[in-house]
Amino acid sequence: MIKRRRIGKAKSAQYAREAVAPHTSRRIYLRIAPADIAFFKFILESYDNLAYLSVVDKHTAVLQLVHTSGTEREIREFLETMRNEISFTEIALPPRTTGDA
């Protein structure tokens, strides 16, 4: 009979304690051509859990990338790679819109 090794709650709890949980998230804002938003999102999603994308303003095509502080190097490498494919600029935090317009 083959004895199976079981990973119980004690092992998973130990793993959870040792895992590094992100304490903060960071945001990068990009201005991109509206026609390139879908392509950019498609490529970003192919990099599992690198960052998530929100469209801040679809008319001016301002995107918000949210990532953990531990993936700063990887997200910068991704952006440099994407610069070869499409044109975009990194911008400061966009002003809030009130929705009155």
N, C-alpha and C. Protein backbone atom coordinates (compact mmCIF):
# COMPACT_ATOMS: atom_id res chain seq x y z
N MET A 1 0.83 -1.17 0.00
CA MET A 1 0.00 0.00 0.00
C MET A 1 0.89 1.25 0.00
N ILE A 2 0.52 2.20 -0.83
CA ILE A 2 1.27 3.46 -0.92
C ILE A 2 0.73 4.44 0.11
N LYS A 3 1.64 4.96 0.88
CA LYS A 3 1.24 5.93 1.88
C LYS A 3 1.27 7.33 1.25
N ARG A 4 0.16 7.99 1.29
CA ARG A 4 0.08 9.32 0.70
C ARG A 4 0.40 10.38 1.74
N ARG A 5 1.09 11.34 1.31
CA ARG A 5 1.44 12.44 2.18
C ARG A 5 0.35 13.50 2.10
N ARG A 6 -0.17 13.85 3.22
CA ARG A 6 -1.28 14.80 3.25
C ARG A 6 -0.79 16.15 3.74
N ILE A 7 -1.19 17.16 3.03
CA ILE A 7 -0.89 18.52 3.47
C ILE A 7 -2.14 19.03 4.15
N GLY A 8 -2.04 19.21 5.43
CA GLY A 8 -3.21 19.63 6.20
C GLY A 8 -3.21 21.12 6.46
N LYS A 9 -4.06 21.49 7.38
CA LYS A 9 -4.22 22.90 7.72
C LYS A 9 -2.94 23.50 8.28
N ALA A 10 -2.20 22.71 9.02
CA ALA A 10 -0.97 23.23 9.63
C ALA A 10 0.02 23.67 8.55
N LYS A 11 0.17 22.86 7.51
CA LYS A 11 1.08 23.21 6.42
C LYS A 11 0.59 24.43 5.67
N SER A 12 -0.71 24.50 5.38
CA SER A 12 -1.23 25.64 4.62
C SER A 12 -1.18 26.91 5.46
N ALA A 13 -1.38 26.81 6.77
CA ALA A 13 -1.28 27.98 7.64
C ALA A 13 0.16 28.49 7.69
N GLN A 14 1.11 27.55 7.75
CA GLN A 14 2.52 27.94 7.74
C GLN A 14 2.86 28.63 6.43
N TYR A 15 2.39 28.09 5.32
CA TYR A 15 2.63 28.69 4.02
C TYR A 15 2.06 30.11 3.98
N ALA A 16 0.86 30.29 4.50
CA ALA A 16 0.21 31.60 4.49
C ALA A 16 1.00 32.61 5.32
N ARG A 17 1.56 32.17 6.45
CA ARG A 17 2.35 33.08 7.28
C ARG A 17 3.65 33.47 6.58
N GLU A 18 4.23 32.56 5.84
CA GLU A 18 5.50 32.82 5.18
C GLU A 18 5.35 33.59 3.88
N ALA A 19 4.18 33.55 3.30
CA ALA A 19 3.96 34.27 2.05
C ALA A 19 4.01 35.77 2.31
N VAL A 20 4.55 36.48 1.36
CA VAL A 20 4.65 37.92 1.51
C VAL A 20 3.40 38.55 0.94
N ALA A 21 2.62 39.13 1.79
CA ALA A 21 1.40 39.80 1.36
C ALA A 21 1.71 41.25 1.02
N PRO A 22 1.18 41.75 -0.08
CA PRO A 22 1.43 43.16 -0.40
C PRO A 22 0.74 44.07 0.61
N HIS A 23 1.45 45.06 1.05
CA HIS A 23 0.89 45.99 2.03
C HIS A 23 0.29 47.21 1.36
N THR A 24 0.82 47.56 0.23
CA THR A 24 0.31 48.73 -0.47
C THR A 24 0.22 48.44 -1.96
N SER A 25 -0.63 49.17 -2.60
CA SER A 25 -0.68 49.09 -4.05
C SER A 25 -0.21 50.42 -4.61
N ARG A 26 0.22 50.38 -5.83
CA ARG A 26 0.70 51.57 -6.50
C ARG A 26 -0.10 51.76 -7.78
N ARG A 27 -0.16 53.00 -8.20
CA ARG A 27 -0.93 53.33 -9.40
C ARG A 27 -0.05 54.07 -10.39
N ILE A 28 -0.23 53.71 -11.64
CA ILE A 28 0.44 54.40 -12.75
C ILE A 28 -0.67 54.84 -13.69
N TYR A 29 -0.61 56.09 -14.11
CA TYR A 29 -1.61 56.62 -15.03
C TYR A 29 -0.97 56.82 -16.39
N LEU A 30 -1.67 56.38 -17.42
CA LEU A 30 -1.17 56.47 -18.79
C LEU A 30 -2.21 57.16 -19.67
N ARG A 31 -1.71 57.93 -20.63
CA ARG A 31 -2.58 58.47 -21.68
C ARG A 31 -2.21 57.72 -22.96
N ILE A 32 -3.23 57.21 -23.62
CA ILE A 32 -3.05 56.31 -24.75
C ILE A 32 -4.08 56.66 -25.81
N ALA A 33 -3.87 56.27 -27.02
CA ALA A 33 -4.87 56.49 -28.06
C ALA A 33 -6.09 55.62 -27.75
N PRO A 34 -7.31 56.18 -27.85
CA PRO A 34 -8.51 55.39 -27.54
C PRO A 34 -8.59 54.08 -28.31
N ALA A 35 -8.12 54.06 -29.52
CA ALA A 35 -8.18 52.84 -30.32
C ALA A 35 -7.25 51.75 -29.80
N ASP A 36 -6.28 52.10 -28.96
CA ASP A 36 -5.30 51.13 -28.46
C ASP A 36 -5.65 50.56 -27.08
N ILE A 37 -6.73 51.03 -26.46
CA ILE A 37 -7.08 50.59 -25.11
C ILE A 37 -7.30 49.08 -25.06
N ALA A 38 -8.09 48.55 -25.96
CA ALA A 38 -8.41 47.12 -25.95
C ALA A 38 -7.15 46.27 -26.15
N PHE A 39 -6.29 46.67 -27.07
CA PHE A 39 -5.05 45.94 -27.31
C PHE A 39 -4.17 45.95 -26.06
N PHE A 40 -4.03 47.13 -25.45
CA PHE A 40 -3.21 47.26 -24.25
C PHE A 40 -3.74 46.36 -23.14
N LYS A 41 -5.05 46.38 -22.94
CA LYS A 41 -5.67 45.55 -21.90
C LYS A 41 -5.48 44.06 -22.20
N PHE A 42 -5.63 43.68 -23.46
CA PHE A 42 -5.46 42.29 -23.86
C PHE A 42 -4.05 41.79 -23.54
N ILE A 43 -3.05 42.59 -23.88
CA ILE A 43 -1.67 42.19 -23.62
C ILE A 43 -1.38 42.17 -22.12
N LEU A 44 -1.87 43.16 -21.38
CA LEU A 44 -1.67 43.19 -19.93
C LEU A 44 -2.27 41.96 -19.26
N GLU A 45 -3.45 41.55 -19.69
CA GLU A 45 -4.10 40.39 -19.09
C GLU A 45 -3.34 39.09 -19.37
N SER A 46 -2.51 39.07 -20.41
CA SER A 46 -1.73 37.87 -20.68
C SER A 46 -0.60 37.69 -19.67
N TYR A 47 -0.24 38.75 -18.96
CA TYR A 47 0.74 38.68 -17.88
C TYR A 47 -0.06 38.49 -16.59
N ASP A 48 -0.27 37.26 -16.19
CA ASP A 48 -1.13 36.95 -15.06
C ASP A 48 -0.76 37.74 -13.81
N ASN A 49 -1.73 38.43 -13.27
CA ASN A 49 -1.64 39.13 -11.99
C ASN A 49 -0.52 40.17 -11.91
N LEU A 50 -0.10 40.70 -13.03
CA LEU A 50 0.91 41.75 -13.00
C LEU A 50 0.30 43.05 -12.49
N ALA A 51 -0.85 43.39 -13.03
CA ALA A 51 -1.55 44.61 -12.64
C ALA A 51 -2.97 44.49 -13.17
N TYR A 52 -3.83 45.35 -12.67
CA TYR A 52 -5.13 45.43 -13.30
C TYR A 52 -5.35 46.84 -13.83
N LEU A 53 -6.16 46.93 -14.83
CA LEU A 53 -6.34 48.16 -15.57
C LEU A 53 -7.75 48.69 -15.38
N SER A 54 -7.84 49.98 -15.17
CA SER A 54 -9.13 50.67 -15.16
C SER A 54 -9.03 51.83 -16.12
N VAL A 55 -10.11 52.08 -16.82
CA VAL A 55 -10.17 53.24 -17.70
C VAL A 55 -10.74 54.39 -16.87
N VAL A 56 -9.91 55.40 -16.65
CA VAL A 56 -10.33 56.55 -15.85
C VAL A 56 -11.24 57.45 -16.67
N ASP A 57 -10.85 57.69 -17.93
CA ASP A 57 -11.64 58.53 -18.82
C ASP A 57 -11.53 57.97 -20.23
N LYS A 58 -12.64 57.46 -20.74
CA LYS A 58 -12.59 56.82 -22.06
C LYS A 58 -12.47 57.82 -23.20
N HIS A 59 -12.85 59.06 -22.98
CA HIS A 59 -12.77 60.07 -24.04
C HIS A 59 -11.35 60.58 -24.24
N THR A 60 -10.63 60.77 -23.14
CA THR A 60 -9.23 61.20 -23.26
C THR A 60 -8.28 60.02 -23.15
N ALA A 61 -8.83 58.83 -22.98
CA ALA A 61 -8.07 57.57 -22.92
C ALA A 61 -7.00 57.60 -21.84
N VAL A 62 -7.42 57.89 -20.61
CA VAL A 62 -6.53 57.84 -19.46
C VAL A 62 -6.78 56.51 -18.76
N LEU A 63 -5.70 55.75 -18.57
CA LEU A 63 -5.77 54.44 -17.94
C LEU A 63 -5.09 54.49 -16.58
N GLN A 64 -5.57 53.67 -15.68
CA GLN A 64 -4.96 53.51 -14.37
C GLN A 64 -4.51 52.06 -14.25
N LEU A 65 -3.22 51.87 -14.01
CA LEU A 65 -2.69 50.53 -13.74
C LEU A 65 -2.43 50.43 -12.25
N VAL A 66 -3.01 49.44 -11.61
CA VAL A 66 -2.81 49.22 -10.17
C VAL A 66 -1.99 47.95 -10.02
N HIS A 67 -0.90 48.08 -9.28
CA HIS A 67 -0.01 46.93 -9.07
C HIS A 67 0.54 46.98 -7.66
N THR A 68 1.11 45.88 -7.22
CA THR A 68 1.70 45.85 -5.88
C THR A 68 3.09 46.48 -5.93
N SER A 69 3.54 46.91 -4.78
CA SER A 69 4.86 47.54 -4.73
C SER A 69 5.96 46.53 -5.08
N GLY A 70 5.71 45.26 -4.88
CA GLY A 70 6.70 44.23 -5.20
C GLY A 70 6.86 43.94 -6.67
N THR A 71 5.96 44.45 -7.50
CA THR A 71 6.04 44.20 -8.95
C THR A 71 6.44 45.45 -9.73
N GLU A 72 7.05 46.40 -9.04
CA GLU A 72 7.44 47.66 -9.71
C GLU A 72 8.37 47.41 -10.89
N ARG A 73 9.38 46.58 -10.69
CA ARG A 73 10.35 46.30 -11.76
C ARG A 73 9.66 45.62 -12.94
N GLU A 74 8.80 44.64 -12.65
CA GLU A 74 8.13 43.90 -13.71
C GLU A 74 7.17 44.80 -14.50
N ILE A 75 6.45 45.68 -13.81
CA ILE A 75 5.51 46.55 -14.52
C ILE A 75 6.27 47.55 -15.38
N ARG A 76 7.42 48.03 -14.90
CA ARG A 76 8.24 48.95 -15.71
C ARG A 76 8.79 48.24 -16.95
N GLU A 77 9.20 46.99 -16.79
CA GLU A 77 9.67 46.22 -17.95
C GLU A 77 8.53 46.00 -18.95
N PHE A 78 7.35 45.71 -18.44
CA PHE A 78 6.18 45.54 -19.31
C PHE A 78 5.91 46.82 -20.09
N LEU A 79 5.95 47.97 -19.41
CA LEU A 79 5.67 49.24 -20.09
C LEU A 79 6.72 49.54 -21.16
N GLU A 80 7.98 49.23 -20.87
CA GLU A 80 9.02 49.44 -21.88
C GLU A 80 8.80 48.55 -23.10
N THR A 81 8.37 47.33 -22.87
CA THR A 81 8.04 46.43 -23.97
C THR A 81 6.88 46.96 -24.79
N MET A 82 5.87 47.48 -24.09
CA MET A 82 4.68 47.99 -24.79
C MET A 82 4.98 49.25 -25.58
N ARG A 83 5.99 50.00 -25.17
CA ARG A 83 6.35 51.22 -25.93
C ARG A 83 6.79 50.87 -27.35
N ASN A 84 7.28 49.66 -27.56
CA ASN A 84 7.66 49.22 -28.90
C ASN A 84 6.43 48.92 -29.75
N GLU A 85 5.28 48.69 -29.13
CA GLU A 85 4.07 48.31 -29.84
C GLU A 85 3.11 49.48 -30.07
N ILE A 86 2.91 50.28 -29.02
CA ILE A 86 1.97 51.40 -29.11
C ILE A 86 2.55 52.62 -28.42
N SER A 87 2.00 53.77 -28.75
CA SER A 87 2.46 55.02 -28.16
C SER A 87 1.59 55.38 -26.96
N PHE A 88 2.24 55.72 -25.85
CA PHE A 88 1.52 56.20 -24.67
C PHE A 88 2.47 57.05 -23.84
N THR A 89 1.91 57.83 -22.95
CA THR A 89 2.71 58.64 -22.05
C THR A 89 2.24 58.41 -20.63
N GLU A 90 3.18 58.40 -19.71
CA GLU A 90 2.84 58.30 -18.30
C GLU A 90 2.52 59.71 -17.81
N ILE A 91 1.44 59.84 -17.08
CA ILE A 91 1.01 61.15 -16.61
C ILE A 91 0.87 61.13 -15.09
N ALA A 92 0.81 62.32 -14.51
CA ALA A 92 0.56 62.43 -13.08
C ALA A 92 -0.91 62.10 -12.82
N LEU A 93 -1.27 62.01 -11.58
CA LEU A 93 -2.64 61.73 -11.20
C LEU A 93 -3.58 62.71 -11.90
N PRO A 94 -4.53 62.20 -12.69
CA PRO A 94 -5.42 63.11 -13.41
C PRO A 94 -6.36 63.82 -12.44
N PRO A 95 -6.79 65.03 -12.80
CA PRO A 95 -7.72 65.74 -11.92
C PRO A 95 -9.06 65.02 -11.85
N ARG A 96 -9.71 65.10 -10.70
CA ARG A 96 -11.01 64.45 -10.55
C ARG A 96 -12.07 65.21 -11.31
N THR A 97 -12.96 64.46 -11.92
CA THR A 97 -14.09 65.08 -12.60
C THR A 97 -15.31 64.95 -11.71
N THR A 98 -16.14 65.97 -11.71
CA THR A 98 -17.31 65.96 -10.85
C THR A 98 -18.52 65.36 -11.52
N GLY A 99 -18.45 65.20 -12.83
CA GLY A 99 -19.58 64.63 -13.56
C GLY A 99 -20.66 65.64 -13.87
N ASP A 100 -20.37 66.93 -13.64
CA ASP A 100 -21.34 67.99 -13.89
C ASP A 100 -21.40 68.40 -15.35
N ALA A 101 -20.37 68.05 -16.12
CA ALA A 101 -20.29 68.54 -17.50
C ALA A 101 -21.28 67.89 -18.40
